[in-house]
C-alpha atoms as a PDB file:
ATOM      1  CA  MET A   1     133.486  -0.252 -80.365  1.00  0.00           C
ATOM      2  CA  ALA A   2     131.971  -0.574 -83.891  1.00  0.00           C
ATOM      3  CA  LYS A   3     129.751  -3.254 -82.205  1.00  0.00           C
ATOM      4  CA  THR A   4     128.836  -0.618 -79.892  1.00  0.00           C
ATOM      5  CA  THR A   5     127.576   1.581 -82.157  1.00  0.00           C
ATOM      6  CA  ALA A   6     125.549  -0.941 -84.299  1.00  0.00           C
ATOM      7  CA  SER A   7     123.700  -1.829 -81.166  1.00  0.00           C
ATOM      8  CA  THR A   8     122.980   1.629 -80.486  1.00  0.00           C
ATOM      9  CA  THR A   9     121.903   2.330 -84.515  1.00  0.00           C
ATOM     10  CA  ARG A  10     119.769  -0.858 -84.358  1.00  0.00           C
ATOM     11  CA  ALA A  11     118.212   0.238 -81.098  1.00  0.00           C
ATOM     12  CA  LYS A  12     117.517   3.841 -82.296  1.00  0.00           C
ATOM     13  CA  ALA A  13     115.823   1.807 -85.478  1.00  0.00           C
ATOM     14  CA  GLU A  14     113.897  -0.263 -83.260  1.00  0.00           C
ATOM     15  CA  ALA A  15     112.771   2.861 -81.090  1.00  0.00           C
ATOM     16  CA  ARG A  16     111.690   4.805 -83.444  1.00  0.00           C
ATOM     17  CA  PRO A  17     108.676   2.116 -84.973  1.00  0.00           C
ATOM     18  CA  ALA A  18     107.565   1.195 -80.929  1.00  0.00           C
ATOM     19  CA  ALA A  19     106.831   5.053 -80.450  1.00  0.00           C
ATOM     20  CA  ALA A  20     105.135   5.366 -83.576  1.00  0.00           C
ATOM     21  CA  THR A  21     103.198   2.419 -82.662  1.00  0.00           C
ATOM     22  CA  SER A  22     102.636   3.805 -79.291  1.00  0.00           C
ATOM     23  CA  LYS A  23     101.240   7.153 -80.720  1.00  0.00           C
ATOM     24  CA  GLN A  24      99.114   4.659 -82.969  1.00  0.00           C
ATOM     25  CA  LEU A  25      98.102   2.644 -79.997  1.00  0.00           C
ATOM     26  CA  ASP A  26      97.206   6.039 -78.066  1.00  0.00           C
ATOM     27  CA  ALA A  27      95.332   7.499 -81.050  1.00  0.00           C
ATOM     28  CA  GLY A  28      93.281   4.639 -80.885  1.00  0.00           C
ATOM     29  CA  MET A  29      92.548   4.363 -77.135  1.00  0.00           C
ATOM     30  CA  ASP A  30      91.425   7.650 -77.430  1.00  0.00           C
ATOM     31  CA  GLN A  31      88.905   7.194 -80.258  1.00  0.00           C
ATOM     32  CA  MET A  32      87.759   4.478 -78.026  1.00  0.00           C
ATOM     33  CA  ALA A  33      87.390   6.350 -75.081  1.00  0.00           C
ATOM     34  CA  ASP A  34      85.319   9.349 -77.636  1.00  0.00           C
ATOM     35  CA  PHE A  35      82.987   6.648 -78.631  1.00  0.00           C
ATOM     36  CA  ALA A  36      82.221   4.844 -75.297  1.00  0.00           C
ATOM     37  CA  SER A  37      81.470   8.493 -74.102  1.00  0.00           C
ATOM     38  CA  LYS A  38      78.993   8.947 -77.104  1.00  0.00           C
ATOM     39  CA  MET A  39      77.464   5.477 -76.309  1.00  0.00           C
ATOM     40  CA  THR A  40      77.428   6.431 -72.803  1.00  0.00           C
ATOM     41  CA  GLY A  41      75.567   9.355 -73.570  1.00  0.00           C
ATOM     42  CA  PHE A  42      73.204   7.459 -75.484  1.00  0.00           C
ATOM     43  CA  THR A  43      72.649   4.588 -73.133  1.00  0.00           C
ATOM     44  CA  GLU A  44      71.936   7.574 -70.397  1.00  0.00           C
ATOM     45  CA  GLY A  45      69.614   9.160 -72.658  1.00  0.00           C
ATOM     46  CA  GLY A  46      67.625   5.819 -73.530  1.00  0.00           C
ATOM     47  CA  VAL A  47      67.364   4.554 -70.114  1.00  0.00           C
ATOM     48  CA  LYS A  48      65.986   7.682 -68.899  1.00  0.00           C
ATOM     49  CA  ALA A  49      63.183   7.925 -71.934  1.00  0.00           C
ATOM     50  CA  LEU A  50      62.744   3.850 -70.968  1.00  0.00           C
ATOM     51  CA  THR A  51      62.015   4.906 -67.464  1.00  0.00           C
ATOM     52  CA  ASP A  52      59.940   7.952 -68.122  1.00  0.00           C
ATOM     53  CA  SER A  53      58.053   5.651 -70.763  1.00  0.00           C
ATOM     54  CA  ALA A  54      57.545   3.411 -68.080  1.00  0.00           C
ATOM     55  CA  VAL A  55      56.387   5.661 -65.624  1.00  0.00           C
ATOM     56  CA  ALA A  56      54.050   7.270 -68.363  1.00  0.00           C
ATOM     57  CA  SER A  57      52.341   3.508 -69.426  1.00  0.00           C
ATOM     58  CA  THR A  58      52.126   2.938 -65.698  1.00  0.00           C
ATOM     59  CA  GLU A  59      49.817   5.780 -65.301  1.00  0.00           C
ATOM     60  CA  VAL A  60      47.747   5.382 -68.714  1.00  0.00           C
ATOM     61  CA  MET A  61      47.057   1.512 -67.553  1.00  0.00           C
ATOM     62  CA  ARG A  62      45.845   2.409 -63.982  1.00  0.00           C
ATOM     63  CA  GLU A  63      43.583   4.928 -65.999  1.00  0.00           C
ATOM     64  CA  ILE A  64      42.386   2.588 -68.914  1.00  0.00           C
ATOM     65  CA  GLY A  65      41.375   0.055 -65.814  1.00  0.00           C
ATOM     66  CA  THR A  66      39.702   2.707 -63.540  1.00  0.00           C
ATOM     67  CA  ARG A  67      37.792   3.369 -66.233  1.00  0.00           C
ATOM     68  CA  ASN A  68      37.074  -0.141 -67.112  1.00  0.00           C
ATOM     69  CA  VAL A  69      35.788  -1.030 -63.652  1.00  0.00           C
ATOM     70  CA  SER A  70      34.171   2.028 -63.422  1.00  0.00           C
ATOM     71  CA  PHE A  71      32.214   0.941 -67.267  1.00  0.00           C
ATOM     72  CA  MET A  72      31.465  -2.634 -66.004  1.00  0.00           C
ATOM     73  CA  THR A  73      30.370  -1.421 -62.661  1.00  0.00           C
ATOM     74  CA  SER A  74      27.905   0.884 -64.563  1.00  0.00           C
ATOM     75  CA  ALA A  75      26.785  -1.949 -67.104  1.00  0.00           C
ATOM     76  CA  MET A  76      25.967  -3.702 -64.173  1.00  0.00           C
ATOM     77  CA  GLU A  77      24.174  -1.956 -61.979  1.00  0.00           C
ATOM     78  CA  GLN A  78      21.857  -0.756 -65.526  1.00  0.00           C
ATOM     79  CA  GLY A  79      21.836  -4.733 -66.500  1.00  0.00           C
ATOM     80  CA  VAL A  80      20.527  -5.265 -62.755  1.00  0.00           C
ATOM     81  CA  GLU A  81      17.831  -2.294 -62.791  1.00  0.00           C
ATOM     82  CA  LEU A  82      16.358  -3.443 -66.194  1.00  0.00           C
ATOM     83  CA  THR A  83      16.226  -7.081 -65.009  1.00  0.00           C
ATOM     84  CA  GLN A  84      14.188  -6.040 -61.944  1.00  0.00           C
ATOM     85  CA  THR A  85      11.766  -3.332 -64.282  1.00  0.00           C
ATOM     86  CA  LEU A  86      11.267  -6.500 -66.643  1.00  0.00           C
ATOM     87  CA  ALA A  87      10.101  -9.192 -63.941  1.00  0.00           C
ATOM     88  CA  SER A  88       7.544  -6.453 -62.832  1.00  0.00           C
ATOM     89  CA  LEU A  89       6.283  -6.286 -66.415  1.00  0.00           C
ATOM     90  CA  ARG A  90       3.573  -8.014 -68.198  1.00  0.00           C
ATOM     91  CA  ASP A  91       3.226  -7.039 -71.742  1.00  0.00           C
ATOM     92  CA  PRO A  92       6.104  -8.933 -74.246  1.00  0.00           C
ATOM     93  CA  ARG A  93       5.970  -5.711 -76.432  1.00  0.00           C
ATOM     94  CA  GLU A  94       7.173  -3.205 -73.803  1.00  0.00           C
ATOM     95  CA  MET A  95       9.640  -5.963 -72.187  1.00  0.00           C
ATOM     96  CA  PHE A  96      10.901  -5.915 -75.625  1.00  0.00           C
ATOM     97  CA  GLU A  97      10.787  -2.226 -75.913  1.00  0.00           C
ATOM     98  CA  LEU A  98      12.892  -2.271 -72.703  1.00  0.00           C
ATOM     99  CA  GLN A  99      15.386  -4.882 -74.272  1.00  0.00           C
ATOM    100  CA  SER A 100      16.159  -2.906 -77.462  1.00  0.00           C
ATOM    101  CA  ALA A 101      16.745   0.557 -75.769  1.00  0.00           C
ATOM    102  CA  PHE A 102      18.859  -0.808 -73.165  1.00  0.00           C
ATOM    103  CA  ALA A 103      21.039  -2.993 -75.813  1.00  0.00           C
ATOM    104  CA  LYS A 104      21.351   0.375 -77.830  1.00  0.00           C
ATOM    105  CA  SER A 105      22.281   2.709 -74.882  1.00  0.00           C
ATOM    106  CA  MET A 106      24.762  -0.036 -73.627  1.00  0.00           C
ATOM    107  CA  PHE A 107      26.033  -0.381 -77.127  1.00  0.00           C
ATOM    108  CA  SER A 108      26.328   3.523 -77.493  1.00  0.00           C
ATOM    109  CA  ALA A 109      28.560   3.532 -74.173  1.00  0.00           C
ATOM    110  CA  PHE A 110      30.400   1.378 -75.167  1.00  0.00           C
ATOM    111  CA  THR A 111      31.438   2.464 -78.301  1.00  0.00           C
ATOM    112  CA  THR A 112      31.969   6.035 -76.777  1.00  0.00           C
ATOM    113  CA  GLU A 113      34.174   4.203 -73.635  1.00  0.00           C
ATOM    114  CA  MET A 114      36.049   2.449 -76.582  1.00  0.00           C
ATOM    115  CA  SER A 115      36.935   5.635 -78.330  1.00  0.00           C
ATOM    116  CA  ALA A 116      38.373   7.766 -75.616  1.00  0.00           C
ATOM    117  CA  GLN A 117      40.414   4.660 -74.418  1.00  0.00           C
ATOM    118  CA  THR A 118      41.875   4.596 -78.173  1.00  0.00           C
ATOM    119  CA  GLU A 119      42.349   8.258 -77.524  1.00  0.00           C
ATOM    120  CA  LEU A 120      44.302   7.588 -74.408  1.00  0.00           C
ATOM    121  CA  CYS A 121      46.143   4.638 -75.986  1.00  0.00           C
ATOM    122  CA  VAL A 122      47.481   6.534 -78.994  1.00  0.00           C
ATOM    123  CA  ASN A 123      48.243   9.664 -76.706  1.00  0.00           C
ATOM    124  CA  ALA A 124      50.605   7.523 -74.593  1.00  0.00           C
ATOM    125  CA  TRP A 125      51.743   6.333 -77.675  1.00  0.00           C
ATOM    126  CA  ARG A 126      52.818   9.388 -79.000  1.00  0.00           C
ATOM    127  CA  ASN A 127      54.152  11.098 -75.950  1.00  0.00           C
ATOM    128  CA  ALA A 128      55.995   8.193 -75.380  1.00  0.00           C
ATOM    129  CA  THR A 129      58.138   7.761 -78.901  1.00  0.00           C
ATOM    130  CA  LYS A 130      58.739  11.702 -78.303  1.00  0.00           C
ATOM    131  CA  PRO A 131      62.197  10.980 -76.567  1.00  0.00           C
ATOM    132  CA  TYR A 132      63.347   8.549 -79.325  1.00  0.00           C
ATOM    133  CA  MET A 133      62.433  10.465 -81.984  1.00  0.00           C
ATOM    134  CA  ALA A 134      64.146  13.449 -80.983  1.00  0.00           C
ATOM    135  CA  SER A 135      67.519  11.042 -80.382  1.00  0.00           C
ATOM    136  CA  PHE A 136      66.850   9.544 -83.846  1.00  0.00           C
ATOM    137  CA  SER A 137      66.973  13.161 -85.634  1.00  0.00           C
ATOM    138  CA  LYS A 138      70.139  14.600 -84.220  1.00  0.00           C
END
């Protein structure tokens, strides 16, 4: 009978650390589940922000492309008009004045268009970083 009591005592002693280990494992698993839940929230927010940024950047690129094509078309039309006008002139001084005026107007139009496109890009960048900055500030 002594052996049975000793076996029972040993089994109880072994059961206590196993129960404590099981509780620690459960606590660890709960912590990991909480961590995974938080990371899932961050990931979902990041993916949504990335998707929104991609849509917005596509719209900005479309706008820039449209503006570039419009500008180039206008510049080419003005260049053709200038060429036709220059072909009919006989006075070199008048030709030089027309070419100079054309160059000045094209440079002015180019700098105006580039300023507008730069502003478009800067605004797009600011809008794209808002969701990320909001999540970093938390």
